Amino acid sequence: MLNIHHLELFYYVARFGGIMEAVRNIPYGIQQPAVSGQILQLESDLGLKLFNRRPFELTPAGRELFEFIRPFFANVEIVGEKLRGGITQTIRMAAPAAVLRDHLPEVLQLVRKQFPKLKLILRDAHQPTVEAWLERQEIDFAVTVVEGRLASGLNSETLLDLPAVFLVTEKSRFSTSAEVLDALASGTVDGEGTTPEPLICLPPNEPLPRQFRELLANRGLEWPPSIEVNSLELIDIYVANGFGIGLTFFLPGTKNSPGVRCIPITEMPHLSIGAVWRGQPTALIESLLAALRARARLFSARKL
């Protein structure tokens, strides 16, 4: 018979992509050698190798086992609370750091009035990471860019349509997106006729960089990013420090660093920011949606 604790440790290893990463995220103290030893014991009991160590990759048997045990370990805490009488309402949420910092605190204050013992698990992430987490039932709710058709079982509601923008320093010679694109076409974005000024943006699989590449391709242009970051805040910080031009979107209620200004990219469609969740909304999710709608109405009239 398989040891349930060994299966739990394997769940964390598979979920977080390695033994060291699992140790950092297991909600109780355990050392790396203990995890390694118990995973080896699990593989011995099964007579199978579950993952390759370097680089980390689940084997076919490891993927099959992870898919089998994931629903149980991902939801065991929530089920425990229900069995204890639903004393605490838990929700696992993901959103960009700027949303978590500037918008969700006030939204969640409203939700707490209805659910005073609300327990929150918050994750900083962008689309498409949040959609994958929702599909794997690792989170319950997300605020993210919504585009195209969602995976089966996922639902969404658009909250705001936001313009794409360039971030530049106050000293930048550019005033409009057309000037930036014209300079790129002539090879003079940096003002010297050599190579374009560095582009700072989110990873290429994110909606905004992908749509920007399409805009450039339609004009026969290329502008590969020189600095790739995983948060909107970092784009702002690196622009403020003179590393290049940032590609981002205007999020009302979020302030840029001193010396940084926004240039709307009028050649691009607006991005839809919305809420995404799995299945029928619970009472807690309905409360979140109502608070988010109110927050969105507050900012919908704000312009650049």
Foldseek 3Di string as FASTA:
>chain_A
DADVVLLLLLLLCVVQQHQVSSCVPDPDHDDSVVNVVSVVVRCVVVVHDQFDHVRTDGDPVVVVSNLVCLVCSLCVVVVVCVVVPVLEAEFEEEEAPLCVPQPVVVLVVQLCVVGVRYDYHYYHAEPPVVLVCQVSVNGFKYKYFDDDDGDPQKDKDFQAWWFKWKKAFPPQPDAALVVCLVCQVQCCCVPPNDHHQAEEEEDCVGPQNVQVVVVQVVVVGDHDHPHYDGHPLVQLVCNHVPRGMYIDIDDPRDDGDPRMDIHTHVVGGTTTIIMMGGHDDDPSVVSSRVSSNVVSVVRRPDDD
